[in-house]
Amino acid sequence: MVLWPLRKIKKSILGLVKGKEYREREVAAVFLVSAIAQILILYMIDGKTLNEAIYGTVATLTTVGFGDVAPSSSLARYLYIPFMVTGVLMLPTAAVLVYDIHRKKVRGLSRSKQQNHVVVLGDSNEIIKSIVMEMDKKYEICLVSELYETNPFKERVHFVKGDPLEKEVLRKSNIETASHAIIATENDSTTILATAMVRELNPDANIIATIVSEEKVETIKTIGANHVINTDSVTGRLLASGVHEPNVVDLISDITSSLEGHDVIEVNFPAELHGKTIEDAVMHLRVNRGMTLLALNRNGKNMVNPPLENIIEKGDKMVVLANSGKTN
């Protein structure tokens, strides 16, 4: 109700200025041109100092009007009149514009300007929350989902509301510049189609996708997924293990959740370990960094519990069990 009069004023002003739908850059251009013109009038025609000219211009455009700096010559006053009117008329427009930009962002209607970010396509509230919490501000995230009416993670995520199978919606997430895409839907057909679209729009993205049916794993890898998690298979094995080895289930639950004190992470081997053996690395990591080596990753392939005599090469990565938040 408070902003209703401002909206009416905005429509009237913009109808006079252009006669069609406005753009943010056009409102900014009007203010910029007005500001430059006023500074020039005060500085070059009226003889004010540059500081006085800038100060007087800001006072006029913001409609504060202290009156301590004002044009004194007749010519300057006449030239200044249009810009005083502009300040009065355009300030409400700018206020409503700022409100609209914020409203669009909160409701998932604005385009992401993020670069090298992670695009998350999801339709499960719990999975989405876990993804956002696990990333813990290490990456910029853009969430694409029809699940929410407003952004559920206002301080941490750019939200795009819409169907992830629509290319225009994906483009709003700036998918073309994303470094990673996580596709976490509960329907295999949706996941497969979304993977194909993401790969089409971004040939270089690292795509991680969930799948329910074991038979679809190879299909989704073929169309572009780099990593596939079969949720039903993983869940089934954990549930079965709970019967005869419950402590194993508790351990897996603990180390896969950074909130429980430990986390499984992948990082580069420290430079001082290049050329050393796995046995040397195990001792160094344990004593100096409090980490337990689980696997060596070479050329994208994991070697679980690698032989102690293996030599670490430059470019190798390590998968380790570490205290939460400890990455080096």
C-alpha atoms as a PDB file:
ATOM      1  CA  MET A   1       0.000   0.000   0.000  1.00  0.00           C
ATOM      2  CA  VAL A   2       2.863   2.381   0.808  1.00  0.00           C
ATOM      3  CA  LEU A   3       4.467   1.859  -2.596  1.00  0.00           C
ATOM      4  CA  TRP A   4       1.235   2.080  -4.608  1.00  0.00           C
ATOM      5  CA  PRO A   5       1.437   5.874  -5.158  1.00  0.00           C
ATOM      6  CA  LEU A   6       5.074   5.520  -6.190  1.00  0.00           C
ATOM      7  CA  ARG A   7       4.123   2.919  -8.740  1.00  0.00           C
ATOM      8  CA  LYS A   8       1.512   5.246 -10.229  1.00  0.00           C
ATOM      9  CA  ILE A   9       4.032   8.082 -10.406  1.00  0.00           C
ATOM     10  CA  LYS A  10       6.575   5.749 -11.997  1.00  0.00           C
ATOM     11  CA  LYS A  11       4.184   4.701 -14.759  1.00  0.00           C
ATOM     12  CA  SER A  12       3.223   8.282 -15.505  1.00  0.00           C
ATOM     13  CA  ILE A  13       6.800   9.530 -15.671  1.00  0.00           C
ATOM     14  CA  LEU A  14       8.019   6.713 -17.865  1.00  0.00           C
ATOM     15  CA  GLY A  15       5.043   7.119 -20.148  1.00  0.00           C
ATOM     16  CA  LEU A  16       6.089  10.714 -20.724  1.00  0.00           C
ATOM     17  CA  VAL A  17       9.767   9.909 -21.109  1.00  0.00           C
ATOM     18  CA  LYS A  18       9.532   7.026 -23.531  1.00  0.00           C
ATOM     19  CA  GLY A  19       6.001   5.731 -23.931  1.00  0.00           C
ATOM     20  CA  LYS A  20       6.954   2.072 -23.427  1.00  0.00           C
ATOM     21  CA  GLU A  21       8.414  -0.314 -20.848  1.00  0.00           C
ATOM     22  CA  TYR A  22      11.484   1.080 -19.117  1.00  0.00           C
ATOM     23  CA  ARG A  23      14.871  -0.537 -18.554  1.00  0.00           C
ATOM     24  CA  GLU A  24      17.108  -0.078 -15.551  1.00  0.00           C
ATOM     25  CA  ARG A  25      19.928   1.357 -17.649  1.00  0.00           C
ATOM     26  CA  GLU A  26      17.625   4.063 -19.050  1.00  0.00           C
ATOM     27  CA  VAL A  27      16.702   5.365 -15.605  1.00  0.00           C
ATOM     28  CA  ALA A  28      20.377   5.342 -14.657  1.00  0.00           C
ATOM     29  CA  ALA A  29      21.212   7.186 -17.899  1.00  0.00           C
ATOM     30  CA  VAL A  30      18.686   9.950 -17.115  1.00  0.00           C
ATOM     31  CA  PHE A  31      20.230  10.486 -13.679  1.00  0.00           C
ATOM     32  CA  LEU A  32      23.766  10.430 -15.090  1.00  0.00           C
ATOM     33  CA  VAL A  33      23.010  12.932 -17.855  1.00  0.00           C
ATOM     34  CA  SER A  34      21.166  15.190 -15.419  1.00  0.00           C
ATOM     35  CA  ALA A  35      24.027  15.071 -12.945  1.00  0.00           C
ATOM     36  CA  ILE A  36      26.681  15.895 -15.566  1.00  0.00           C
ATOM     37  CA  ALA A  37      24.588  18.743 -16.994  1.00  0.00           C
ATOM     38  CA  GLN A  38      23.989  20.289 -13.574  1.00  0.00           C
ATOM     39  CA  ILE A  39      27.651  20.063 -12.618  1.00  0.00           C
ATOM     40  CA  LEU A  40      28.618  21.796 -15.879  1.00  0.00           C
ATOM     41  CA  ILE A  41      26.014  24.553 -15.377  1.00  0.00           C
ATOM     42  CA  LEU A  42      27.177  25.304 -11.844  1.00  0.00           C
ATOM     43  CA  TYR A  43      30.893  24.975 -12.631  1.00  0.00           C
ATOM     44  CA  MET A  44      31.256  26.511 -16.081  1.00  0.00           C
ATOM     45  CA  ILE A  45      28.348  28.980 -16.294  1.00  0.00           C
ATOM     46  CA  ASP A  46      27.717  29.985 -12.689  1.00  0.00           C
ATOM     47  CA  GLY A  47      31.351  30.040 -11.550  1.00  0.00           C
ATOM     48  CA  LYS A  48      31.049  27.581  -8.638  1.00  0.00           C
ATOM     49  CA  THR A  49      33.990  25.425  -7.605  1.00  0.00           C
ATOM     50  CA  LEU A  50      33.947  21.798  -8.704  1.00  0.00           C
ATOM     51  CA  ASN A  51      33.251  20.613  -5.148  1.00  0.00           C
ATOM     52  CA  GLU A  52      30.370  23.059  -4.827  1.00  0.00           C
ATOM     53  CA  ALA A  53      28.995  21.993  -8.206  1.00  0.00           C
ATOM     54  CA  ILE A  54      29.021  18.299  -7.266  1.00  0.00           C
ATOM     55  CA  TYR A  55      27.517  18.992  -3.844  1.00  0.00           C
ATOM     56  CA  GLY A  56      24.739  21.174  -5.270  1.00  0.00           C
ATOM     57  CA  THR A  57      23.923  18.589  -7.938  1.00  0.00           C
ATOM     58  CA  VAL A  58      23.560  15.764  -5.421  1.00  0.00           C
ATOM     59  CA  ALA A  59      21.348  17.977  -3.222  1.00  0.00           C
ATOM     60  CA  THR A  60      19.120  18.751  -6.207  1.00  0.00           C
ATOM     61  CA  LEU A  61      18.812  15.214  -7.614  1.00  0.00           C
ATOM     62  CA  THR A  62      18.023  13.782  -4.188  1.00  0.00           C
ATOM     63  CA  THR A  63      15.477  16.595  -3.610  1.00  0.00           C
ATOM     64  CA  VAL A  64      17.184  17.496  -0.321  1.00  0.00           C
ATOM     65  CA  GLY A  65      17.592  21.126  -1.353  1.00  0.00           C
ATOM     66  CA  PHE A  66      19.570  22.641   1.532  1.00  0.00           C
ATOM     67  CA  GLY A  67      19.851  25.871  -0.427  1.00  0.00           C
ATOM     68  CA  ASP A  68      23.457  26.555   0.574  1.00  0.00           C
ATOM     69  CA  VAL A  69      24.632  25.927  -3.011  1.00  0.00           C
ATOM     70  CA  ALA A  70      22.379  27.216  -5.788  1.00  0.00           C
ATOM     71  CA  PRO A  71      22.753  28.852  -9.205  1.00  0.00           C
ATOM     72  CA  SER A  72      23.073  32.638  -8.891  1.00  0.00           C
ATOM     73  CA  SER A  73      23.080  33.923 -12.486  1.00  0.00           C
ATOM     74  CA  SER A  74      19.840  34.223 -14.465  1.00  0.00           C
ATOM     75  CA  LEU A  75      21.099  31.970 -17.289  1.00  0.00           C
ATOM     76  CA  ALA A  76      22.170  29.251 -14.877  1.00  0.00           C
ATOM     77  CA  ARG A  77      18.836  29.389 -13.069  1.00  0.00           C
ATOM     78  CA  TYR A  78      16.826  29.034 -16.263  1.00  0.00           C
ATOM     79  CA  LEU A  79      19.004  26.150 -17.444  1.00  0.00           C
ATOM     80  CA  TYR A  80      18.711  24.500 -14.018  1.00  0.00           C
ATOM     81  CA  ILE A  81      14.892  24.413 -13.950  1.00  0.00           C
ATOM     82  CA  PRO A  82      14.452  21.237 -16.086  1.00  0.00           C
ATOM     83  CA  PHE A  83      16.917  19.355 -13.925  1.00  0.00           C
ATOM     84  CA  MET A  84      15.168  20.321 -10.697  1.00  0.00           C
ATOM     85  CA  VAL A  85      11.958  18.907 -12.182  1.00  0.00           C
ATOM     86  CA  THR A  86      13.870  15.775 -13.231  1.00  0.00           C
ATOM     87  CA  GLY A  87      15.089  15.217  -9.675  1.00  0.00           C
ATOM     88  CA  VAL A  88      11.587  15.508  -8.244  1.00  0.00           C
ATOM     89  CA  LEU A  89      10.071  13.170 -10.831  1.00  0.00           C
ATOM     90  CA  MET A  90      12.814  10.566 -11.184  1.00  0.00           C
ATOM     91  CA  LEU A  91      13.603   9.921  -7.509  1.00  0.00           C
ATOM     92  CA  PRO A  92      10.317   8.053  -6.861  1.00  0.00           C
ATOM     93  CA  THR A  93      10.911   6.125 -10.063  1.00  0.00           C
ATOM     94  CA  ALA A  94      14.382   5.118  -8.889  1.00  0.00           C
ATOM     95  CA  ALA A  95      13.002   4.077  -5.483  1.00  0.00           C
ATOM     96  CA  VAL A  96      10.398   1.827  -7.086  1.00  0.00           C
ATOM     97  CA  LEU A  97      13.017   0.478  -9.486  1.00  0.00           C
ATOM     98  CA  VAL A  98      15.276  -0.560  -6.603  1.00  0.00           C
ATOM     99  CA  TYR A  99      12.284  -2.209  -4.929  1.00  0.00           C
ATOM    100  CA  ASP A 100      11.399  -4.088  -8.129  1.00  0.00           C
ATOM    101  CA  ILE A 101      14.963  -5.333  -8.571  1.00  0.00           C
ATOM    102  CA  HIS A 102      14.993  -6.663  -5.001  1.00  0.00           C
ATOM    103  CA  ARG A 103      11.542  -8.234  -5.414  1.00  0.00           C
ATOM    104  CA  LYS A 104      12.554  -9.990  -8.635  1.00  0.00           C
ATOM    105  CA  LYS A 105      15.703 -11.354  -7.020  1.00  0.00           C
ATOM    106  CA  VAL A 106      13.856 -12.705  -3.984  1.00  0.00           C
ATOM    107  CA  ARG A 107      11.127 -14.299  -6.126  1.00  0.00           C
ATOM    108  CA  GLY A 108      13.588 -15.906  -8.518  1.00  0.00           C
ATOM    109  CA  LEU A 109      12.782 -13.699 -11.502  1.00  0.00           C
ATOM    110  CA  SER A 110      16.170 -12.087 -12.082  1.00  0.00           C
ATOM    111  CA  ARG A 111      19.067 -13.411 -14.138  1.00  0.00           C
ATOM    112  CA  SER A 112      22.225 -14.587 -12.410  1.00  0.00           C
ATOM    113  CA  LYS A 113      25.432 -12.682 -13.136  1.00  0.00           C
ATOM    114  CA  GLN A 114      27.622 -15.245 -11.389  1.00  0.00           C
ATOM    115  CA  GLN A 115      30.748 -16.687 -13.012  1.00  0.00           C
ATOM    116  CA  ASN A 116      32.404 -20.081 -12.400  1.00  0.00           C
ATOM    117  CA  HIS A 117      29.574 -20.914 -10.045  1.00  0.00           C
ATOM    118  CA  VAL A 118      27.613 -24.066  -9.200  1.00  0.00           C
ATOM    119  CA  VAL A 119      24.142 -24.427 -10.690  1.00  0.00           C
ATOM    120  CA  VAL A 120      21.866 -26.701  -8.659  1.00  0.00           C
ATOM    121  CA  LEU A 121      18.757 -28.134 -10.321  1.00  0.00           C
ATOM    122  CA  GLY A 122      16.568 -29.762  -7.703  1.00  0.00           C
ATOM    123  CA  ASP A 123      13.074 -30.676  -6.626  1.00  0.00           C
ATOM    124  CA  SER A 124      13.776 -32.098  -3.162  1.00  0.00           C
ATOM    125  CA  ASN A 125      13.906 -29.652  -0.264  1.00  0.00           C
ATOM    126  CA  GLU A 126      16.064 -31.892   1.932  1.00  0.00           C
ATOM    127  CA  ILE A 127      18.591 -32.633  -0.823  1.00  0.00           C
ATOM    128  CA  ILE A 128      18.849 -28.957  -1.773  1.00  0.00           C
ATOM    129  CA  LYS A 129      19.366 -27.923   1.871  1.00  0.00           C
ATOM    130  CA  SER A 130      22.101 -30.550   2.280  1.00  0.00           C
ATOM    131  CA  ILE A 131      23.896 -29.374  -0.858  1.00  0.00           C
ATOM    132  CA  VAL A 132      23.861 -25.731   0.236  1.00  0.00           C
ATOM    133  CA  MET A 133      25.010 -26.571   3.775  1.00  0.00           C
ATOM    134  CA  GLU A 134      27.790 -28.855   2.531  1.00  0.00           C
ATOM    135  CA  MET A 135      29.215 -26.166   0.237  1.00  0.00           C
ATOM    136  CA  ASP A 136      29.340 -23.747   3.169  1.00  0.00           C
ATOM    137  CA  LYS A 137      30.006 -20.573   1.124  1.00  0.00           C
ATOM    138  CA  LYS A 138      32.994 -22.132  -0.644  1.00  0.00           C
ATOM    139  CA  TYR A 139      31.245 -21.700  -3.976  1.00  0.00           C
ATOM    140  CA  GLU A 140      28.747 -19.295  -5.450  1.00  0.00           C
ATOM    141  CA  ILE A 141      25.492 -21.173  -5.969  1.00  0.00           C
ATOM    142  CA  CYS A 142      22.563 -20.593  -8.297  1.00  0.00           C
ATOM    143  CA  LEU A 143      19.499 -22.679  -7.466  1.00  0.00           C
ATOM    144  CA  VAL A 144      16.972 -23.491 -10.204  1.00  0.00           C
ATOM    145  CA  SER A 145      13.746 -24.976  -8.860  1.00  0.00           C
ATOM    146  CA  GLU A 146       9.974 -24.799  -8.987  1.00  0.00           C
ATOM    147  CA  LEU A 147       9.810 -25.918  -5.368  1.00  0.00           C
ATOM    148  CA  TYR A 148       9.917 -22.491  -3.717  1.00  0.00           C
ATOM    149  CA  GLU A 149       7.964 -19.271  -4.107  1.00  0.00           C
ATOM    150  CA  THR A 150      10.800 -17.131  -2.732  1.00  0.00           C
ATOM    151  CA  ASN A 151      14.527 -17.629  -2.228  1.00  0.00           C
ATOM    152  CA  PRO A 152      14.979 -19.984   0.768  1.00  0.00           C
ATOM    153  CA  PHE A 153      18.681 -19.116   1.109  1.00  0.00           C
ATOM    154  CA  LYS A 154      18.707 -15.342   0.590  1.00  0.00           C
ATOM    155  CA  GLU A 155      22.236 -14.703   1.864  1.00  0.00           C
ATOM    156  CA  ARG A 156      23.926 -17.634   0.176  1.00  0.00           C
ATOM    157  CA  VAL A 157      22.203 -18.482  -3.102  1.00  0.00           C
ATOM    158  CA  HIS A 158      20.933 -16.777  -6.239  1.00  0.00           C
ATOM    159  CA  PHE A 159      17.489 -18.237  -6.897  1.00  0.00           C
ATOM    160  CA  VAL A 160      15.876 -18.787 -10.299  1.00  0.00           C
ATOM    161  CA  LYS A 161      12.293 -20.017 -10.155  1.00  0.00           C
ATOM    162  CA  GLY A 162      11.239 -22.182 -13.062  1.00  0.00           C
ATOM    163  CA  ASP A 163      11.314 -25.514 -14.856  1.00  0.00           C
ATOM    164  CA  PRO A 164      14.938 -26.701 -15.256  1.00  0.00           C
ATOM    165  CA  LEU A 165      13.922 -28.343 -18.545  1.00  0.00           C
ATOM    166  CA  GLU A 166      13.297 -24.950 -20.138  1.00  0.00           C
ATOM    167  CA  LYS A 167      16.358 -23.500 -21.834  1.00  0.00           C
ATOM    168  CA  GLU A 168      15.416 -19.917 -21.027  1.00  0.00           C
ATOM    169  CA  VAL A 169      15.208 -20.798 -17.337  1.00  0.00           C
ATOM    170  CA  LEU A 170      18.632 -22.453 -17.496  1.00  0.00           C
ATOM    171  CA  ARG A 171      20.058 -19.411 -19.253  1.00  0.00           C
ATOM    172  CA  LYS A 172      18.782 -17.254 -16.382  1.00  0.00           C
ATOM    173  CA  SER A 173      21.102 -19.258 -14.129  1.00  0.00           C
ATOM    174  CA  ASN A 174      23.999 -18.234 -16.412  1.00  0.00           C
ATOM    175  CA  ILE A 175      24.648 -21.926 -16.976  1.00  0.00           C
ATOM    176  CA  GLU A 176      26.985 -21.119 -19.868  1.00  0.00           C
ATOM    177  CA  THR A 177      29.640 -19.817 -17.454  1.00  0.00           C
ATOM    178  CA  ALA A 178      29.072 -22.300 -14.595  1.00  0.00           C
ATOM    179  CA  SER A 179      31.945 -24.561 -13.557  1.00  0.00           C
ATOM    180  CA  HIS A 180      29.698 -27.243 -12.046  1.00  0.00           C
ATOM    181  CA  ALA A 181      26.095 -28.377 -12.336  1.00  0.00           C
ATOM    182  CA  ILE A 182      24.378 -30.572  -9.744  1.00  0.00           C
ATOM    183  CA  ILE A 183      21.218 -32.245 -11.010  1.00  0.00           C
ATOM    184  CA  ALA A 184      19.248 -33.633  -8.080  1.00  0.00           C
ATOM    185  CA  THR A 185      15.729 -34.435  -9.245  1.00  0.00           C
ATOM    186  CA  GLU A 186      13.575 -37.334  -8.101  1.00  0.00           C
ATOM    187  CA  ASN A 187      12.645 -38.421 -11.618  1.00  0.00           C
ATOM    188  CA  ASP A 188      15.141 -40.171 -13.884  1.00  0.00           C
ATOM    189  CA  SER A 189      13.583 -38.843 -17.086  1.00  0.00           C
ATOM    190  CA  THR A 190      13.847 -35.280 -15.784  1.00  0.00           C
ATOM    191  CA  THR A 191      17.452 -35.864 -14.729  1.00  0.00           C
ATOM    192  CA  ILE A 192      18.405 -37.262 -18.141  1.00  0.00           C
ATOM    193  CA  LEU A 193      16.774 -34.400 -20.061  1.00  0.00           C
ATOM    194  CA  ALA A 194      18.244 -31.782 -17.716  1.00  0.00           C
ATOM    195  CA  THR A 195      21.711 -33.326 -18.099  1.00  0.00           C
ATOM    196  CA  ALA A 196      21.422 -33.211 -21.885  1.00  0.00           C
ATOM    197  CA  MET A 197      20.355 -29.544 -21.814  1.00  0.00           C
ATOM    198  CA  VAL A 198      23.103 -28.503 -19.430  1.00  0.00           C
ATOM    199  CA  ARG A 199      25.712 -30.283 -21.543  1.00  0.00           C
ATOM    200  CA  GLU A 200      24.368 -28.609 -24.691  1.00  0.00           C
ATOM    201  CA  LEU A 201      24.551 -25.148 -23.120  1.00  0.00           C
ATOM    202  CA  ASN A 202      27.873 -25.721 -21.368  1.00  0.00           C
ATOM    203  CA  PRO A 203      30.180 -28.334 -22.923  1.00  0.00           C
ATOM    204  CA  ASP A 204      32.806 -27.807 -20.213  1.00  0.00           C
ATOM    205  CA  ALA A 205      30.713 -28.007 -17.028  1.00  0.00           C
ATOM    206  CA  ASN A 206      31.386 -30.724 -14.487  1.00  0.00           C
ATOM    207  CA  ILE A 207      27.979 -32.390 -14.171  1.00  0.00           C
ATOM    208  CA  ILE A 208      27.058 -34.412 -11.080  1.00  0.00           C
ATOM    209  CA  ALA A 209      23.674 -36.129 -11.262  1.00  0.00           C
ATOM    210  CA  THR A 210      21.537 -38.416  -9.137  1.00  0.00           C
ATOM    211  CA  ILE A 211      19.713 -41.368 -10.662  1.00  0.00           C
ATOM    212  CA  VAL A 212      17.250 -43.849  -9.201  1.00  0.00           C
ATOM    213  CA  SER A 213      17.339 -46.705 -11.699  1.00  0.00           C
ATOM    214  CA  GLU A 214      20.577 -48.665 -12.044  1.00  0.00           C
ATOM    215  CA  GLU A 215      19.762 -49.261 -15.727  1.00  0.00           C
ATOM    216  CA  LYS A 216      19.910 -45.523 -16.471  1.00  0.00           C
ATOM    217  CA  VAL A 217      23.427 -44.950 -15.107  1.00  0.00           C
ATOM    218  CA  GLU A 218      25.226 -45.643 -18.388  1.00  0.00           C
ATOM    219  CA  THR A 219      22.632 -43.637 -20.313  1.00  0.00           C
ATOM    220  CA  ILE A 220      23.161 -40.502 -18.280  1.00  0.00           C
ATOM    221  CA  LYS A 221      26.942 -40.884 -18.476  1.00  0.00           C
ATOM    222  CA  THR A 222      26.685 -41.179 -22.254  1.00  0.00           C
ATOM    223  CA  ILE A 223      24.761 -37.915 -22.597  1.00  0.00           C
ATOM    224  CA  GLY A 224      27.222 -35.932 -20.522  1.00  0.00           C
ATOM    225  CA  ALA A 225      27.216 -36.560 -16.766  1.00  0.00           C
ATOM    226  CA  ASN A 226      30.722 -36.690 -15.297  1.00  0.00           C
ATOM    227  CA  HIS A 227      29.657 -38.279 -12.025  1.00  0.00           C
ATOM    228  CA  VAL A 228      26.500 -40.277 -11.276  1.00  0.00           C
ATOM    229  CA  ILE A 229      25.141 -41.192  -7.844  1.00  0.00           C
ATOM    230  CA  ASN A 230      22.636 -44.035  -7.762  1.00  0.00           C
ATOM    231  CA  THR A 231      20.592 -42.950  -4.745  1.00  0.00           C
ATOM    232  CA  ASP A 232      18.499 -46.098  -4.372  1.00  0.00           C
ATOM    233  CA  SER A 233      21.504 -48.390  -4.607  1.00  0.00           C
ATOM    234  CA  VAL A 234      23.504 -46.414  -2.041  1.00  0.00           C
ATOM    235  CA  THR A 235      20.538 -46.128   0.299  1.00  0.00           C
ATOM    236  CA  GLY A 236      19.713 -49.810  -0.051  1.00  0.00           C
ATOM    237  CA  ARG A 237      23.222 -50.929   0.830  1.00  0.00           C
ATOM    238  CA  LEU A 238      23.316 -48.639   3.861  1.00  0.00           C
ATOM    239  CA  LEU A 239      19.946 -49.883   5.087  1.00  0.00           C
ATOM    240  CA  ALA A 240      21.040 -53.508   4.720  1.00  0.00           C
ATOM    241  CA  SER A 241      24.315 -52.800   6.504  1.00  0.00           C
ATOM    242  CA  GLY A 242      22.334 -51.390   9.397  1.00  0.00           C
ATOM    243  CA  VAL A 243      21.134 -54.903  10.165  1.00  0.00           C
ATOM    244  CA  HIS A 244      24.455 -56.707  10.564  1.00  0.00           C
ATOM    245  CA  GLU A 245      27.013 -53.884  10.867  1.00  0.00           C
ATOM    246  CA  PRO A 246      25.266 -50.841  12.387  1.00  0.00           C
ATOM    247  CA  ASN A 247      28.533 -49.250  13.498  1.00  0.00           C
ATOM    248  CA  VAL A 248      29.653 -49.074   9.876  1.00  0.00           C
ATOM    249  CA  VAL A 249      26.460 -47.203   8.994  1.00  0.00           C
ATOM    250  CA  ASP A 250      27.024 -44.763  11.856  1.00  0.00           C
ATOM    251  CA  LEU A 251      30.604 -44.212  10.730  1.00  0.00           C
ATOM    252  CA  ILE A 252      29.609 -43.549   7.121  1.00  0.00           C
ATOM    253  CA  SER A 253      26.903 -41.166   8.273  1.00  0.00           C
ATOM    254  CA  ASP A 254      29.440 -39.362  10.435  1.00  0.00           C
ATOM    255  CA  ILE A 255      32.262 -38.964   7.921  1.00  0.00           C
ATOM    256  CA  THR A 256      29.967 -37.950   5.056  1.00  0.00           C
ATOM    257  CA  SER A 257      28.498 -35.084   7.071  1.00  0.00           C
ATOM    258  CA  SER A 258      30.817 -32.179   7.798  1.00  0.00           C
ATOM    259  CA  LEU A 259      28.446 -31.187  10.594  1.00  0.00           C
ATOM    260  CA  GLU A 260      29.438 -34.235  12.644  1.00  0.00           C
ATOM    261  CA  GLY A 261      33.076 -33.290  13.072  1.00  0.00           C
ATOM    262  CA  HIS A 262      34.700 -35.222  10.227  1.00  0.00           C
ATOM    263  CA  ASP A 263      34.564 -35.014   6.473  1.00  0.00           C
ATOM    264  CA  VAL A 264      35.912 -36.905   3.476  1.00  0.00           C
ATOM    265  CA  ILE A 265      37.625 -34.401   1.198  1.00  0.00           C
ATOM    266  CA  GLU A 266      39.699 -34.398  -1.988  1.00  0.00           C
ATOM    267  CA  VAL A 267      42.739 -32.096  -2.134  1.00  0.00           C
ATOM    268  CA  ASN A 268      46.085 -31.934  -3.912  1.00  0.00           C
ATOM    269  CA  PHE A 269      49.063 -33.648  -2.327  1.00  0.00           C
ATOM    270  CA  PRO A 270      51.354 -31.083  -0.682  1.00  0.00           C
ATOM    271  CA  ALA A 271      54.327 -30.227  -2.913  1.00  0.00           C
ATOM    272  CA  GLU A 272      56.768 -31.580  -0.318  1.00  0.00           C
ATOM    273  CA  LEU A 273      55.284 -35.064  -0.790  1.00  0.00           C
ATOM    274  CA  HIS A 274      55.887 -35.238  -4.552  1.00  0.00           C
ATOM    275  CA  GLY A 275      58.361 -38.054  -5.221  1.00  0.00           C
ATOM    276  CA  LYS A 276      57.781 -39.578  -1.779  1.00  0.00           C
ATOM    277  CA  THR A 277      56.116 -42.919  -1.064  1.00  0.00           C
ATOM    278  CA  ILE A 278      52.577 -43.440   0.171  1.00  0.00           C
ATOM    279  CA  GLU A 279      54.097 -44.649   3.456  1.00  0.00           C
ATOM    280  CA  ASP A 280      55.836 -41.271   3.857  1.00  0.00           C
ATOM    281  CA  ALA A 281      52.589 -39.480   2.993  1.00  0.00           C
ATOM    282  CA  VAL A 282      50.539 -41.461   5.494  1.00  0.00           C
ATOM    283  CA  MET A 283      52.870 -40.535   8.342  1.00  0.00           C
ATOM    284  CA  HIS A 284      53.212 -36.888   7.251  1.00  0.00           C
ATOM    285  CA  LEU A 285      49.453 -36.362   6.897  1.00  0.00           C
ATOM    286  CA  ARG A 286      48.653 -38.061  10.163  1.00  0.00           C
ATOM    287  CA  VAL A 287      51.312 -36.344  12.282  1.00  0.00           C
ATOM    288  CA  ASN A 288      51.350 -32.861  10.734  1.00  0.00           C
ATOM    289  CA  ARG A 289      47.804 -32.410   9.444  1.00  0.00           C
ATOM    290  CA  GLY A 290      45.612 -34.797  11.399  1.00  0.00           C
ATOM    291  CA  MET A 291      44.409 -36.470   8.181  1.00  0.00           C
ATOM    292  CA  THR A 292      43.956 -40.138   7.286  1.00  0.00           C
ATOM    293  CA  LEU A 293      44.703 -41.100   3.679  1.00  0.00           C
ATOM    294  CA  LEU A 294      41.898 -43.149   2.122  1.00  0.00           C
ATOM    295  CA  ALA A 295      42.751 -43.096  -1.568  1.00  0.00           C
ATOM    296  CA  LEU A 296      45.104 -41.733  -4.180  1.00  0.00           C
ATOM    297  CA  ASN A 297      43.458 -40.166  -7.224  1.00  0.00           C
ATOM    298  CA  ARG A 298      45.528 -40.249 -10.405  1.00  0.00           C
ATOM    299  CA  ASN A 299      44.131 -39.160 -13.777  1.00  0.00           C
ATOM    300  CA  GLY A 300      40.627 -39.132 -12.359  1.00  0.00           C
ATOM    301  CA  LYS A 301      40.762 -42.691 -11.003  1.00  0.00           C
ATOM    302  CA  ASN A 302      40.729 -43.552  -7.302  1.00  0.00           C
ATOM    303  CA  MET A 303      43.162 -46.109  -5.893  1.00  0.00           C
ATOM    304  CA  VAL A 304      41.670 -47.041  -2.515  1.00  0.00           C
ATOM    305  CA  ASN A 305      44.170 -47.975   0.217  1.00  0.00           C
ATOM    306  CA  PRO A 306      47.128 -47.626  -2.185  1.00  0.00           C
ATOM    307  CA  PRO A 307      50.251 -49.757  -1.668  1.00  0.00           C
ATOM    308  CA  LEU A 308      52.720 -48.131   0.696  1.00  0.00           C
ATOM    309  CA  GLU A 309      55.580 -48.314  -1.832  1.00  0.00           C
ATOM    310  CA  ASN A 310      53.729 -46.306  -4.518  1.00  0.00           C
ATOM    311  CA  ILE A 311      55.433 -43.055  -5.475  1.00  0.00           C
ATOM    312  CA  ILE A 312      53.398 -39.836  -5.436  1.00  0.00           C
ATOM    313  CA  GLU A 313      53.530 -37.928  -8.713  1.00  0.00           C
ATOM    314  CA  LYS A 314      52.912 -34.262  -9.439  1.00  0.00           C
ATOM    315  CA  GLY A 315      49.214 -33.816 -10.217  1.00  0.00           C
ATOM    316  CA  ASP A 316      48.084 -36.644  -7.939  1.00  0.00           C
ATOM    317  CA  LYS A 317      45.268 -35.875  -5.554  1.00  0.00           C
ATOM    318  CA  MET A 318      44.446 -37.438  -2.226  1.00  0.00           C
ATOM    319  CA  VAL A 319      41.135 -38.411  -0.697  1.00  0.00           C
ATOM    320  CA  VAL A 320      41.445 -38.069   3.037  1.00  0.00           C
ATOM    321  CA  LEU A 321      39.415 -38.190   6.234  1.00  0.00           C
ATOM    322  CA  ALA A 322      39.878 -34.863   7.993  1.00  0.00           C
ATOM    323  CA  ASN A 323      38.366 -32.759  10.717  1.00  0.00           C
ATOM    324  CA  SER A 324      35.503 -30.650   9.354  1.00  0.00           C
ATOM    325  CA  GLY A 325      36.718 -27.481   7.674  1.00  0.00           C
ATOM    326  CA  LYS A 326      40.345 -28.630   7.519  1.00  0.00           C
ATOM    327  CA  THR A 327      41.422 -28.645   3.879  1.00  0.00           C
ATOM    328  CA  ASN A 328      45.152 -28.047   4.028  1.00  0.00           C
END
